[in-house]
């Protein structure tokens, strides 16, 4: 069964850091573009970041540029989202999603392009 499982969420104070992990089972993430999305209460889901299969491309929504970093460890079949300088407005459920299999030099943060989704992990930024 193809599955994505997120972890690493929790409660953190403003200015703090968290690292989210997205582990795949049943398929190899190497051949997929991976994206992180988030959905805050009462708001639409938003594409936060994505990384292409060959790691040549990554992009971020403007509000997290310079604070979040996406990366992958193919040996662990895992994609990470390092989140620094967290703000209360980063509070949301964070989801990872996979698009593929594909061979691409660019990735998408369009949720309609995703083929597989995790169930999410809650990040709460509050003092």
PDB file of N, CA and C in Angstrom:
ATOM      1  N   UNK A   1       0.850  -1.185   0.000  1.00  0.00           N
ATOM      2  CA  UNK A   1       0.000   0.000   0.000  1.00  0.00           C
ATOM      3  C   UNK A   1       0.890   1.241   0.000  1.00  0.00           C
ATOM      4  N   UNK A   2       0.586   2.175  -0.894  1.00  0.00           N
ATOM      5  CA  UNK A   2       1.362   3.399  -1.000  1.00  0.00           C
ATOM      6  C   UNK A   2       0.913   4.378   0.080  1.00  0.00           C
ATOM      7  N   UNK A   3       1.888   4.865   0.833  1.00  0.00           N
ATOM      8  CA  UNK A   3       1.535   5.685   1.981  1.00  0.00           C
ATOM      9  C   UNK A   3       2.603   6.740   2.250  1.00  0.00           C
ATOM     10  N   UNK A   4       2.148   7.912   2.691  1.00  0.00           N
ATOM     11  CA  UNK A   4       3.032   8.961   3.177  1.00  0.00           C
ATOM     12  C   UNK A   4       2.651   9.256   4.616  1.00  0.00           C
ATOM     13  N   UNK A   5       3.648   9.355   5.480  1.00  0.00           N
ATOM     14  CA  UNK A   5       3.384   9.637   6.895  1.00  0.00           C
ATOM     15  C   UNK A   5       4.242  10.804   7.344  1.00  0.00           C
ATOM     16  N   UNK A   6       3.584  11.849   7.828  1.00  0.00           N
ATOM     17  CA  UNK A   6       4.282  13.024   8.330  1.00  0.00           C
ATOM     18  C   UNK A   6       4.501  12.901   9.841  1.00  0.00           C
ATOM     19  N   UNK A   7       5.547  13.532  10.319  1.00  0.00           N
ATOM     20  CA  UNK A   7       5.805  13.622  11.752  1.00  0.00           C
ATOM     21  C   UNK A   7       6.635  14.866  12.026  1.00  0.00           C
ATOM     22  N   UNK A   8       6.757  15.187  13.312  1.00  0.00           N
ATOM     23  CA  UNK A   8       7.601  16.308  13.697  1.00  0.00           C
ATOM     24  C   UNK A   8       6.857  17.557  14.108  1.00  0.00           C
ATOM     25  N   UNK A   9       5.543  17.550  13.982  1.00  0.00           N
ATOM     26  CA  UNK A   9       4.772  18.710  14.401  1.00  0.00           C
ATOM     27  C   UNK A   9       4.724  18.820  15.913  1.00  0.00           C
ATOM     28  N   UNK A  10       4.198  19.941  16.380  1.00  0.00           N
ATOM     29  CA  UNK A  10       4.083  20.149  17.814  1.00  0.00           C
ATOM     30  C   UNK A  10       3.868  21.599  18.137  1.00  0.00           C
ATOM     31  N   UNK A  11       4.007  21.909  19.418  1.00  0.00           N
ATOM     32  CA  UNK A  11       3.846  23.277  19.901  1.00  0.00           C
ATOM     33  C   UNK A  11       5.229  23.906  20.060  1.00  0.00           C
ATOM     34  N   UNK A  12       5.392  25.088  19.495  1.00  0.00           N
ATOM     35  CA  UNK A  12       6.674  25.787  19.571  1.00  0.00           C
ATOM     36  C   UNK A  12       6.410  27.274  19.772  1.00  0.00           C
ATOM     37  N   UNK A  13       7.311  27.941  20.454  1.00  0.00           N
ATOM     38  CA  UNK A  13       7.174  29.384  20.677  1.00  0.00           C
ATOM     39  C   UNK A  13       7.579  30.156  19.424  1.00  0.00           C
ATOM     40  N   UNK A  14       7.045  31.342  19.261  1.00  0.00           N
ATOM     41  CA  UNK A  14       7.482  32.181  18.130  1.00  0.00           C
ATOM     42  C   UNK A  14       8.995  32.344  18.137  1.00  0.00           C
ATOM     43  N   UNK A  15       9.580  32.239  16.951  1.00  0.00           N
ATOM     44  CA  UNK A  15      11.028  32.300  16.809  1.00  0.00           C
ATOM     45  C   UNK A  15      11.706  30.946  16.880  1.00  0.00           C
ATOM     46  N   UNK A  16      10.953  29.927  17.255  1.00  0.00           N
ATOM     47  CA  UNK A  16      11.513  28.593  17.382  1.00  0.00           C
ATOM     48  C   UNK A  16      11.590  27.853  16.056  1.00  0.00           C
ATOM     49  N   UNK A  17      12.032  26.591  16.148  1.00  0.00           N
ATOM     50  CA  UNK A  17      12.233  25.765  14.960  1.00  0.00           C
ATOM     51  C   UNK A  17      11.593  24.397  15.131  1.00  0.00           C
ATOM     52  N   UNK A  18      11.214  23.826  14.028  1.00  0.00           N
ATOM     53  CA  UNK A  18      10.746  22.448  13.952  1.00  0.00           C
ATOM     54  C   UNK A  18      11.243  21.851  12.647  1.00  0.00           C
ATOM     55  N   UNK A  19      11.430  20.547  12.642  1.00  0.00           N
ATOM     56  CA  UNK A  19      11.723  19.837  11.393  1.00  0.00           C
ATOM     57  C   UNK A  19      10.658  18.781  11.173  1.00  0.00           C
ATOM     58  N   UNK A  20       9.937  18.932  10.083  1.00  0.00           N
ATOM     59  CA  UNK A  20       8.931  17.954   9.710  1.00  0.00           C
ATOM     60  C   UNK A  20       9.554  16.889   8.819  1.00  0.00           C
ATOM     61  N   UNK A  21       9.089  15.658   8.987  1.00  0.00           N
ATOM     62  CA  UNK A  21       9.548  14.549   8.157  1.00  0.00           C
ATOM     63  C   UNK A  21       8.354  13.940   7.421  1.00  0.00           C
ATOM     64  N   UNK A  22       8.626  13.457   6.236  1.00  0.00           N
ATOM     65  CA  UNK A  22       7.617  12.777   5.419  1.00  0.00           C
ATOM     66  C   UNK A  22       8.251  11.482   4.930  1.00  0.00           C
ATOM     67  N   UNK A  23       7.772  10.367   5.456  1.00  0.00           N
ATOM     68  CA  UNK A  23       8.335   9.063   5.113  1.00  0.00           C
ATOM     69  C   UNK A  23       7.371   8.323   4.197  1.00  0.00           C
ATOM     70  N   UNK A  24       7.908   7.750   3.134  1.00  0.00           N
ATOM     71  CA  UNK A  24       7.092   6.993   2.189  1.00  0.00           C
ATOM     72  C   UNK A  24       7.227   5.507   2.457  1.00  0.00           C
ATOM     73  N   UNK A  25       6.129   4.803   2.270  1.00  0.00           N
ATOM     74  CA  UNK A  25       6.164   3.340   2.298  1.00  0.00           C
ATOM     75  C   UNK A  25       5.390   2.833   1.091  1.00  0.00           C
ATOM     76  N   UNK A  26       5.894   1.751   0.528  1.00  0.00           N
ATOM     77  CA  UNK A  26       5.242   1.176  -0.637  1.00  0.00           C
ATOM     78  C   UNK A  26       5.700   1.742  -1.960  1.00  0.00           C
ATOM     79  N   UNK A  27       6.514   2.789  -1.933  1.00  0.00           N
ATOM     80  CA  UNK A  27       7.077   3.343  -3.162  1.00  0.00           C
ATOM     81  C   UNK A  27       8.333   4.140  -2.806  1.00  0.00           C
ATOM     82  N   UNK A  28       9.097   4.462  -3.850  1.00  0.00           N
ATOM     83  CA  UNK A  28      10.385   5.135  -3.661  1.00  0.00           C
ATOM     84  C   UNK A  28      10.240   6.609  -3.995  1.00  0.00           C
ATOM     85  N   UNK A  29      10.497   7.461  -3.010  1.00  0.00           N
ATOM     86  CA  UNK A  29      10.329   8.895  -3.203  1.00  0.00           C
ATOM     87  C   UNK A  29      11.288   9.482  -4.235  1.00  0.00           C
ATOM     88  N   UNK A  30      12.351   8.763  -4.516  1.00  0.00           N
ATOM     89  CA  UNK A  30      13.354   9.252  -5.460  1.00  0.00           C
ATOM     90  C   UNK A  30      12.727   9.680  -6.781  1.00  0.00           C
ATOM     91  N   UNK A  31      11.674   8.973  -7.193  1.00  0.00           N
ATOM     92  CA  UNK A  31      11.083   9.205  -8.510  1.00  0.00           C
ATOM     93  C   UNK A  31       9.880  10.144  -8.479  1.00  0.00           C
ATOM     94  N   UNK A  32       9.726  10.843  -7.372  1.00  0.00           N
ATOM     95  CA  UNK A  32       8.561  11.712  -7.213  1.00  0.00           C
ATOM     96  C   UNK A  32       8.989  13.125  -6.834  1.00  0.00           C
ATOM     97  N   UNK A  33       8.298  14.109  -7.410  1.00  0.00           N
ATOM     98  CA  UNK A  33       8.364  15.452  -6.860  1.00  0.00           C
ATOM     99  C   UNK A  33       7.558  15.435  -5.563  1.00  0.00           C
ATOM    100  N   UNK A  34       8.077  16.127  -4.560  1.00  0.00           N
ATOM    101  CA  UNK A  34       7.414  16.156  -3.266  1.00  0.00           C
ATOM    102  C   UNK A  34       7.093  17.597  -2.891  1.00  0.00           C
ATOM    103  N   UNK A  35       5.919  17.783  -2.353  1.00  0.00           N
ATOM    104  CA  UNK A  35       5.515  19.118  -1.912  1.00  0.00           C
ATOM    105  C   UNK A  35       4.973  19.059  -0.488  1.00  0.00           C
ATOM    106  N   UNK A  36       5.138  20.165   0.206  1.00  0.00           N
ATOM    107  CA  UNK A  36       4.523  20.368   1.515  1.00  0.00           C
ATOM    108  C   UNK A  36       3.411  21.412   1.356  1.00  0.00           C
ATOM    109  N   UNK A  37       2.280  21.090   1.952  1.00  0.00           N
ATOM    110  CA  UNK A  37       1.135  21.998   1.983  1.00  0.00           C
ATOM    111  C   UNK A  37       0.778  22.271   3.439  1.00  0.00           C
ATOM    112  N   UNK A  38      -0.001  23.306   3.654  1.00  0.00           N
ATOM    113  CA  UNK A  38      -0.513  23.558   5.002  1.00  0.00           C
ATOM    114  C   UNK A  38      -1.916  24.123   4.908  1.00  0.00           C
ATOM    115  N   UNK A  39      -2.682  23.873   5.939  1.00  0.00           N
ATOM    116  CA  UNK A  39      -4.029  24.416   6.008  1.00  0.00           C
ATOM    117  C   UNK A  39      -4.300  24.888   7.431  1.00  0.00           C
ATOM    118  N   UNK A  40      -4.506  26.178   7.554  1.00  0.00           N
ATOM    119  CA  UNK A  40      -4.840  26.778   8.838  1.00  0.00           C
ATOM    120  C   UNK A  40      -6.357  26.770   9.012  1.00  0.00           C
ATOM    121  N   UNK A  41      -6.837  26.832  10.248  1.00  0.00           N
ATOM    122  CA  UNK A  41      -8.284  26.834  10.486  1.00  0.00           C
ATOM    123  C   UNK A  41      -8.975  27.957   9.728  1.00  0.00           C
ATOM    124  N   UNK A  42     -10.014  27.598   8.990  1.00  0.00           N
ATOM    125  CA  UNK A  42     -10.784  28.593   8.264  1.00  0.00           C
ATOM    126  C   UNK A  42     -10.147  29.120   7.006  1.00  0.00           C
ATOM    127  N   UNK A  43      -9.012  28.535   6.618  1.00  0.00           N
ATOM    128  CA  UNK A  43      -8.309  29.009   5.422  1.00  0.00           C
ATOM    129  C   UNK A  43      -8.155  27.886   4.406  1.00  0.00           C
ATOM    130  N   UNK A  44      -7.885  28.271   3.163  1.00  0.00           N
ATOM    131  CA  UNK A  44      -7.662  27.289   2.113  1.00  0.00           C
ATOM    132  C   UNK A  44      -6.276  26.663   2.262  1.00  0.00           C
ATOM    133  N   UNK A  45      -6.167  25.470   1.715  1.00  0.00           N
ATOM    134  CA  UNK A  45      -4.872  24.804   1.717  1.00  0.00           C
ATOM    135  C   UNK A  45      -3.890  25.585   0.837  1.00  0.00           C
ATOM    136  N   UNK A  46      -2.652  25.654   1.294  1.00  0.00           N
ATOM    137  CA  UNK A  46      -1.622  26.455   0.624  1.00  0.00           C
ATOM    138  C   UNK A  46      -0.384  25.606   0.370  1.00  0.00           C
ATOM    139  N   UNK A  47       0.158  25.716  -0.827  1.00  0.00           N
ATOM    140  CA  UNK A  47       1.402  25.036  -1.147  1.00  0.00           C
ATOM    141  C   UNK A  47       2.568  25.802  -0.549  1.00  0.00           C
ATOM    142  N   UNK A  48       3.316  25.166   0.330  1.00  0.00           N
ATOM    143  CA  UNK A  48       4.399  25.834   1.053  1.00  0.00           C
ATOM    144  C   UNK A  48       5.736  25.709   0.322  1.00  0.00           C
ATOM    145  N   UNK A  49       6.040  24.490  -0.124  1.00  0.00           N
ATOM    146  CA  UNK A  49       7.336  24.250  -0.739  1.00  0.00           C
ATOM    147  C   UNK A  49       7.272  22.973  -1.549  1.00  0.00           C
ATOM    148  N   UNK A  50       8.178  22.842  -2.516  1.00  0.00           N
ATOM    149  CA  UNK A  50       8.288  21.593  -3.259  1.00  0.00           C
ATOM    150  C   UNK A  50       9.731  21.376  -3.674  1.00  0.00           C
ATOM    151  N   UNK A  51      10.045  20.113  -3.986  1.00  0.00           N
ATOM    152  CA  UNK A  51      11.380  19.745  -4.445  1.00  0.00           C
ATOM    153  C   UNK A  51      11.232  18.740  -5.563  1.00  0.00           C
ATOM    154  N   UNK A  52      12.028  18.904  -6.620  1.00  0.00           N
ATOM    155  CA  UNK A  52      11.926  18.028  -7.773  1.00  0.00           C
ATOM    156  C   UNK A  52      12.676  16.723  -7.535  1.00  0.00           C
ATOM    157  N   UNK A  53      12.441  15.750  -8.416  1.00  0.00           N
ATOM    158  CA  UNK A  53      13.017  14.420  -8.243  1.00  0.00           C
ATOM    159  C   UNK A  53      14.538  14.449  -8.190  1.00  0.00           C
ATOM    160  N   UNK A  54      15.153  15.270  -9.012  1.00  0.00           N
ATOM    161  CA  UNK A  54      16.611  15.275  -9.061  1.00  0.00           C
ATOM    162  C   UNK A  54      17.209  16.360  -8.172  1.00  0.00           C
ATOM    163  N   UNK A  55      16.400  16.957  -7.334  1.00  0.00           N
ATOM    164  CA  UNK A  55      16.827  18.006  -6.395  1.00  0.00           C
ATOM    165  C   UNK A  55      17.337  19.269  -7.101  1.00  0.00           C
ATOM    166  N   UNK A  56      17.096  19.379  -8.404  1.00  0.00           N
ATOM    167  CA  UNK A  56      17.596  20.565  -9.115  1.00  0.00           C
ATOM    168  C   UNK A  56      16.730  21.784  -8.863  1.00  0.00           C
ATOM    169  N   UNK A  57      15.528  21.530  -8.427  1.00  0.00           N
ATOM    170  CA  UNK A  57      14.595  22.637  -8.245  1.00  0.00           C
ATOM    171  C   UNK A  57      13.863  22.516  -6.927  1.00  0.00           C
ATOM    172  N   UNK A  58      13.768  23.644  -6.257  1.00  0.00           N
ATOM    173  CA  UNK A  58      12.927  23.742  -5.063  1.00  0.00           C
ATOM    174  C   UNK A  58      12.330  25.136  -5.066  1.00  0.00           C
ATOM    175  N   UNK A  59      11.132  25.263  -4.606  1.00  0.00           N
ATOM    176  CA  UNK A  59      10.572  26.604  -4.486  1.00  0.00           C
ATOM    177  C   UNK A  59       9.675  26.706  -3.266  1.00  0.00           C
ATOM    178  N   UNK A  60       9.394  27.942  -2.903  1.00  0.00           N
ATOM    179  CA  UNK A  60       8.722  28.235  -1.649  1.00  0.00           C
ATOM    180  C   UNK A  60       7.679  29.341  -1.850  1.00  0.00           C
ATOM    181  N   UNK A  61       6.640  29.264  -1.082  1.00  0.00           N
ATOM    182  CA  UNK A  61       5.697  30.380  -1.050  1.00  0.00           C
ATOM    183  C   UNK A  61       6.424  31.573  -0.428  1.00  0.00           C
ATOM    184  N   UNK A  62       6.089  32.760  -0.864  1.00  0.00           N
ATOM    185  CA  UNK A  62       6.817  33.961  -0.471  1.00  0.00           C
ATOM    186  C   UNK A  62       6.903  34.116   1.045  1.00  0.00           C
ATOM    187  N   UNK A  63       5.872  33.763   1.751  1.00  0.00           N
ATOM    188  CA  UNK A  63       5.807  34.003   3.199  1.00  0.00           C
ATOM    189  C   UNK A  63       6.792  33.166   4.010  1.00  0.00           C
ATOM    190  N   UNK A  64       7.387  32.121   3.416  1.00  0.00           N
ATOM    191  CA  UNK A  64       8.326  31.277   4.163  1.00  0.00           C
ATOM    192  C   UNK A  64       9.739  31.341   3.598  1.00  0.00           C
ATOM    193  N   UNK A  65       9.948  32.074   2.541  1.00  0.00           N
ATOM    194  CA  UNK A  65      11.282  32.168   1.940  1.00  0.00           C
ATOM    195  C   UNK A  65      12.287  32.703   2.954  1.00  0.00           C
ATOM    196  N   UNK A  66      13.433  32.028   3.011  1.00  0.00           N
ATOM    197  CA  UNK A  66      14.474  32.419   3.952  1.00  0.00           C
ATOM    198  C   UNK A  66      14.305  31.815   5.332  1.00  0.00           C
ATOM    199  N   UNK A  67      13.156  31.195   5.588  1.00  0.00           N
ATOM    200  CA  UNK A  67      12.912  30.590   6.908  1.00  0.00           C
ATOM    201  C   UNK A  67      12.759  29.069   6.820  1.00  0.00           C
ATOM    202  N   UNK A  68      12.178  28.573   5.740  1.00  0.00           N
ATOM    203  CA  UNK A  68      11.933  27.137   5.580  1.00  0.00           C
ATOM    204  C   UNK A  68      12.888  26.584   4.528  1.00  0.00           C
ATOM    205  N   UNK A  69      13.287  25.317   4.712  1.00  0.00           N
ATOM    206  CA  UNK A  69      14.138  24.625   3.749  1.00  0.00           C
ATOM    207  C   UNK A  69      13.629  23.212   3.552  1.00  0.00           C
ATOM    208  N   UNK A  70      13.425  22.855   2.289  1.00  0.00           N
ATOM    209  CA  UNK A  70      12.999  21.498   1.953  1.00  0.00           C
ATOM    210  C   UNK A  70      14.214  20.702   1.503  1.00  0.00           C
ATOM    211  N   UNK A  71      14.253  19.425   1.872  1.00  0.00           N
ATOM    212  CA  UNK A  71      15.366  18.564   1.459  1.00  0.00           C
ATOM    213  C   UNK A  71      14.877  17.133   1.454  1.00  0.00           C
ATOM    214  N   UNK A  72      15.681  16.271   0.832  1.00  0.00           N
ATOM    215  CA  UNK A  72      15.311  14.864   0.819  1.00  0.00           C
ATOM    216  C   UNK A  72      16.513  13.999   1.132  1.00  0.00           C
ATOM    217  N   UNK A  73      16.260  12.847   1.737  1.00  0.00           N
ATOM    218  CA  UNK A  73      17.276  11.823   1.988  1.00  0.00           C
ATOM    219  C   UNK A  73      16.757  10.557   1.319  1.00  0.00           C
ATOM    220  N   UNK A  74      17.266  10.285   0.128  1.00  0.00           N
ATOM    221  CA  UNK A  74      16.741   9.142  -0.627  1.00  0.00           C
ATOM    222  C   UNK A  74      17.034   7.819   0.067  1.00  0.00           C
ATOM    223  N   UNK A  75      18.142   7.744   0.762  1.00  0.00           N
ATOM    224  CA  UNK A  75      18.485   6.505   1.460  1.00  0.00           C
ATOM    225  C   UNK A  75      17.450   6.169   2.539  1.00  0.00           C
ATOM    226  N   UNK A  76      16.835   7.214   3.100  1.00  0.00           N
ATOM    227  CA  UNK A  76      15.819   7.012   4.139  1.00  0.00           C
ATOM    228  C   UNK A  76      14.404   7.124   3.587  1.00  0.00           C
ATOM    229  N   UNK A  77      14.313   7.368   2.266  1.00  0.00           N
ATOM    230  CA  UNK A  77      12.999   7.508   1.633  1.00  0.00           C
ATOM    231  C   UNK A  77      12.165   8.582   2.340  1.00  0.00           C
ATOM    232  N   UNK A  78      12.826   9.682   2.642  1.00  0.00           N
ATOM    233  CA  UNK A  78      12.233  10.720   3.487  1.00  0.00           C
ATOM    234  C   UNK A  78      12.497  12.103   2.909  1.00  0.00           C
ATOM    235  N   UNK A  79      11.501  12.964   3.033  1.00  0.00           N
ATOM    236  CA  UNK A  79      11.654  14.377   2.703  1.00  0.00           C
ATOM    237  C   UNK A  79      11.416  15.181   3.980  1.00  0.00           C
ATOM    238  N   UNK A  80      12.197  16.241   4.136  1.00  0.00           N
ATOM    239  CA  UNK A  80      12.130  17.059   5.342  1.00  0.00           C
ATOM    240  C   UNK A  80      11.688  18.481   5.004  1.00  0.00           C
ATOM    241  N   UNK A  81      11.111  19.127   5.985  1.00  0.00           N
ATOM    242  CA  UNK A  81      10.864  20.560   5.909  1.00  0.00           C
ATOM    243  C   UNK A  81      11.391  21.171   7.197  1.00  0.00           C
ATOM    244  N   UNK A  82      12.540  21.837   7.090  1.00  0.00           N
ATOM    245  CA  UNK A  82      13.118  22.531   8.229  1.00  0.00           C
ATOM    246  C   UNK A  82      12.474  23.900   8.326  1.00  0.00           C
ATOM    247  N   UNK A  83      11.890  24.191   9.470  1.00  0.00           N
ATOM    248  CA  UNK A  83      11.168  25.450   9.659  1.00  0.00           C
ATOM    249  C   UNK A  83      11.821  26.231  10.788  1.00  0.00           C
ATOM    250  N   UNK A  84      12.377  27.373  10.457  1.00  0.00           N
ATOM    251  CA  UNK A  84      13.044  28.241  11.428  1.00  0.00           C
ATOM    252  C   UNK A  84      12.287  29.557  11.559  1.00  0.00           C
ATOM    253  N   UNK A  85      12.589  30.277  12.617  1.00  0.00           N
ATOM    254  CA  UNK A  85      11.974  31.594  12.866  1.00  0.00           C
ATOM    255  C   UNK A  85      10.454  31.521  12.716  1.00  0.00           C
ATOM    256  N   UNK A  86       9.880  30.549  13.347  1.00  0.00           N
ATOM    257  CA  UNK A  86       8.433  30.319  13.193  1.00  0.00           C
ATOM    258  C   UNK A  86       7.621  31.470  13.758  1.00  0.00           C
ATOM    259  N   UNK A  87       6.508  31.715  13.092  1.00  0.00           N
ATOM    260  CA  UNK A  87       5.594  32.797  13.465  1.00  0.00           C
ATOM    261  C   UNK A  87       4.217  32.217  13.774  1.00  0.00           C
ATOM    262  N   UNK A  88       3.419  32.914  14.551  1.00  0.00           N
ATOM    263  CA  UNK A  88       2.058  32.407  14.834  1.00  0.00           C
ATOM    264  C   UNK A  88       1.263  32.113  13.557  1.00  0.00           C
ATOM    265  N   UNK A  89       1.494  32.870  12.510  1.00  0.00           N
ATOM    266  CA  UNK A  89       0.769  32.641  11.252  1.00  0.00           C
ATOM    267  C   UNK A  89       1.209  31.387  10.520  1.00  0.00           C
ATOM    268  N   UNK A  90       2.246  30.712  11.012  1.00  0.00           N
ATOM    269  CA  UNK A  90       2.641  29.421  10.450  1.00  0.00           C
ATOM    270  C   UNK A  90       1.828  28.275  11.050  1.00  0.00           C
ATOM    271  N   UNK A  91       1.005  28.562  12.030  1.00  0.00           N
ATOM    272  CA  UNK A  91       0.179  27.539  12.651  1.00  0.00           C
ATOM    273  C   UNK A  91      -0.776  26.932  11.635  1.00  0.00           C
ATOM    274  N   UNK A  92      -0.716  25.609  11.507  1.00  0.00           N
ATOM    275  CA  UNK A  92      -1.532  24.914  10.517  1.00  0.00           C
ATOM    276  C   UNK A  92      -1.286  23.409  10.633  1.00  0.00           C
ATOM    277  N   UNK A  93      -2.121  22.649   9.943  1.00  0.00           N
ATOM    278  CA  UNK A  93      -1.809  21.241   9.701  1.00  0.00           C
ATOM    279  C   UNK A  93      -0.972  21.182   8.434  1.00  0.00           C
ATOM    280  N   UNK A  94       0.156  20.526   8.520  1.00  0.00           N
ATOM    281  CA  UNK A  94       1.089  20.418   7.390  1.00  0.00           C
ATOM    282  C   UNK A  94       0.991  19.023   6.777  1.00  0.00           C
ATOM    283  N   UNK A  95       0.877  18.999   5.467  1.00  0.00           N
ATOM    284  CA  UNK A  95       0.743  17.756   4.713  1.00  0.00           C
ATOM    285  C   UNK A  95       1.891  17.644   3.716  1.00  0.00           C
ATOM    286  N   UNK A  96       2.376  16.419   3.510  1.00  0.00           N
ATOM    287  CA  UNK A  96       3.260  16.200   2.371  1.00  0.00           C
ATOM    288  C   UNK A  96       2.474  15.459   1.297  1.00  0.00           C
ATOM    289  N   UNK A  97       2.914  15.647   0.065  1.00  0.00           N
ATOM    290  CA  UNK A  97       2.245  15.040  -1.072  1.00  0.00           C
ATOM    291  C   UNK A  97       3.275  14.713  -2.132  1.00  0.00           C
ATOM    292  N   UNK A  98       2.963  13.698  -2.937  1.00  0.00           N
ATOM    293  CA  UNK A  98       3.885  13.229  -3.960  1.00  0.00           C
ATOM    294  C   UNK A  98       3.240  13.306  -5.340  1.00  0.00           C
ATOM    295  N   UNK A  99       4.027  13.734  -6.294  1.00  0.00           N
ATOM    296  CA  UNK A  99       3.590  13.864  -7.687  1.00  0.00           C
ATOM    297  C   UNK A  99       4.512  13.000  -8.539  1.00  0.00           C
ATOM    298  N   UNK A 100       3.948  11.962  -9.150  1.00  0.00           N
ATOM    299  CA  UNK A 100       4.786  11.142 -10.013  1.00  0.00           C
ATOM    300  C   UNK A 100       4.272   9.737 -10.153  1.00  0.00           C
ATOM    301  N   UNK A 101       5.113   8.786 -10.639  1.00  0.00           N
ATOM    302  CA  UNK A 101       6.541   8.996 -10.849  1.00  0.00           C
ATOM    303  C   UNK A 101       6.814   9.907 -12.046  1.00  0.00           C
ATOM    304  N   UNK A 102       7.932  10.635 -11.955  1.00  0.00           N
ATOM    305  CA  UNK A 102       8.240  11.617 -12.972  1.00  0.00           C
ATOM    306  C   UNK A 102       9.730  11.861 -13.016  1.00  0.00           C
ATOM    307  N   UNK A 103      10.171  12.403 -14.128  1.00  0.00           N
ATOM    308  CA  UNK A 103      11.530  12.895 -14.254  1.00  0.00           C
ATOM    309  C   UNK A 103      11.414  14.351 -14.633  1.00  0.00           C
ATOM    310  N   UNK A 104      11.780  15.220 -13.737  1.00  0.00           N
ATOM    311  CA  UNK A 104      11.515  16.637 -13.974  1.00  0.00           C
ATOM    312  C   UNK A 104      12.636  17.503 -13.422  1.00  0.00           C
ATOM    313  N   UNK A 105      12.747  18.670 -13.991  1.00  0.00           N
ATOM    314  CA  UNK A 105      13.683  19.676 -13.502  1.00  0.00           C
ATOM    315  C   UNK A 105      12.986  20.793 -12.748  1.00  0.00           C
ATOM    316  N   UNK A 106      11.697  20.627 -12.559  1.00  0.00           N
ATOM    317  CA  UNK A 106      10.955  21.630 -11.804  1.00  0.00           C
ATOM    318  C   UNK A 106       9.844  20.924 -11.039  1.00  0.00           C
ATOM    319  N   UNK A 107       9.339  21.563 -10.011  1.00  0.00           N
ATOM    320  CA  UNK A 107       8.278  20.971  -9.204  1.00  0.00           C
ATOM    321  C   UNK A 107       7.118  21.952  -9.077  1.00  0.00           C
ATOM    322  N   UNK A 108       6.012  21.436  -8.598  1.00  0.00           N
ATOM    323  CA  UNK A 108       4.793  22.238  -8.512  1.00  0.00           C
ATOM    324  C   UNK A 108       4.257  22.245  -7.093  1.00  0.00           C
ATOM    325  N   UNK A 109       3.681  23.377  -6.704  1.00  0.00           N
ATOM    326  CA  UNK A 109       2.962  23.469  -5.430  1.00  0.00           C
ATOM    327  C   UNK A 109       1.455  23.498  -5.667  1.00  0.00           C
ATOM    328  N   UNK A 110       1.041  22.982  -6.806  1.00  0.00           N
ATOM    329  CA  UNK A 110      -0.378  22.912  -7.147  1.00  0.00           C
ATOM    330  C   UNK A 110      -0.946  21.613  -6.585  1.00  0.00           C
ATOM    331  N   UNK A 111      -1.915  21.710  -5.688  1.00  0.00           N
ATOM    332  CA  UNK A 111      -2.404  20.487  -5.050  1.00  0.00           C
ATOM    333  C   UNK A 111      -3.137  19.575  -6.032  1.00  0.00           C
ATOM    334  N   UNK A 112      -3.639  20.116  -7.125  1.00  0.00           N
ATOM    335  CA  UNK A 112      -4.326  19.264  -8.106  1.00  0.00           C
ATOM    336  C   UNK A 112      -3.354  18.350  -8.844  1.00  0.00           C
ATOM    337  N   UNK A 113      -2.059  18.632  -8.763  1.00  0.00           N
ATOM    338  CA  UNK A 113      -1.058  17.816  -9.450  1.00  0.00           C
ATOM    339  C   UNK A 113      -0.591  16.628  -8.614  1.00  0.00           C
ATOM    340  N   UNK A 114      -0.962  16.589  -7.351  1.00  0.00           N
ATOM    341  CA  UNK A 114      -0.449  15.566  -6.454  1.00  0.00           C
ATOM    342  C   UNK A 114      -1.209  14.249  -6.588  1.00  0.00           C
ATOM    343  N   UNK A 115      -0.462  13.143  -6.454  1.00  0.00           N
ATOM    344  CA  UNK A 115      -1.049  11.815  -6.587  1.00  0.00           C
ATOM    345  C   UNK A 115      -1.267  11.116  -5.243  1.00  0.00           C
ATOM    346  N   UNK A 116      -0.416  11.422  -4.293  1.00  0.00           N
ATOM    347  CA  UNK A 116      -0.512  10.777  -2.984  1.00  0.00           C
ATOM    348  C   UNK A 116      -0.374  11.835  -1.891  1.00  0.00           C
ATOM    349  N   UNK A 117      -1.110  11.607  -0.806  1.00  0.00           N
ATOM    350  CA  UNK A 117      -1.133  12.553   0.301  1.00  0.00           C
ATOM    351  C   UNK A 117      -0.942  11.845   1.637  1.00  0.00           C
ATOM    352  N   UNK A 118      -0.266  12.524   2.558  1.00  0.00           N
ATOM    353  CA  UNK A 118      -0.244  12.069   3.932  1.00  0.00           C
ATOM    354  C   UNK A 118      -1.441  12.618   4.685  1.00  0.00           C
ATOM    355  N   UNK A 119      -1.553  12.250   5.960  1.00  0.00           N
ATOM    356  CA  UNK A 119      -2.697  12.668   6.766  1.00  0.00           C
ATOM    357  C   UNK A 119      -2.442  13.944   7.553  1.00  0.00           C
ATOM    358  N   UNK A 120      -1.203  14.385   7.571  1.00  0.00           N
ATOM    359  CA  UNK A 120      -0.898  15.673   8.171  1.00  0.00           C
ATOM    360  C   UNK A 120      -0.336  15.594   9.577  1.00  0.00           C
ATOM    361  N   UNK A 121       0.369  16.671   9.945  1.00  0.00           N
ATOM    362  CA  UNK A 121       0.893  16.839  11.293  1.00  0.00           C
ATOM    363  C   UNK A 121       0.651  18.293  11.706  1.00  0.00           C
ATOM    364  N   UNK A 122       0.205  18.488  12.949  1.00  0.00           N
ATOM    365  CA  UNK A 122      -0.194  19.814  13.407  1.00  0.00           C
ATOM    366  C   UNK A 122       1.006  20.579  13.942  1.00  0.00           C
ATOM    367  N   UNK A 123       1.165  21.794  13.458  1.00  0.00           N
ATOM    368  CA  UNK A 123       2.174  22.723  13.962  1.00  0.00           C
ATOM    369  C   UNK A 123       1.459  23.909  14.599  1.00  0.00           C
ATOM    370  N   UNK A 124       1.769  24.163  15.848  1.00  0.00           N
ATOM    371  CA  UNK A 124       1.170  25.283  16.565  1.00  0.00           C
ATOM    372  C   UNK A 124       2.282  26.190  17.059  1.00  0.00           C
ATOM    373  N   UNK A 125       2.243  27.438  16.642  1.00  0.00           N
ATOM    374  CA  UNK A 125       3.241  28.418  17.059  1.00  0.00           C
ATOM    375  C   UNK A 125       2.549  29.424  17.978  1.00  0.00           C
ATOM    376  N   UNK A 126       2.908  29.354  19.244  1.00  0.00           N
ATOM    377  CA  UNK A 126       2.216  30.185  20.235  1.00  0.00           C
ATOM    378  C   UNK A 126       3.084  30.343  21.467  1.00  0.00           C
ATOM    379  N   UNK A 127       2.958  31.493  22.115  1.00  0.00           N
ATOM    380  CA  UNK A 127       3.660  31.710  23.371  1.00  0.00           C
ATOM    381  C   UNK A 127       2.759  31.358  24.550  1.00  0.00           C
TER     382      UNK A 127
END
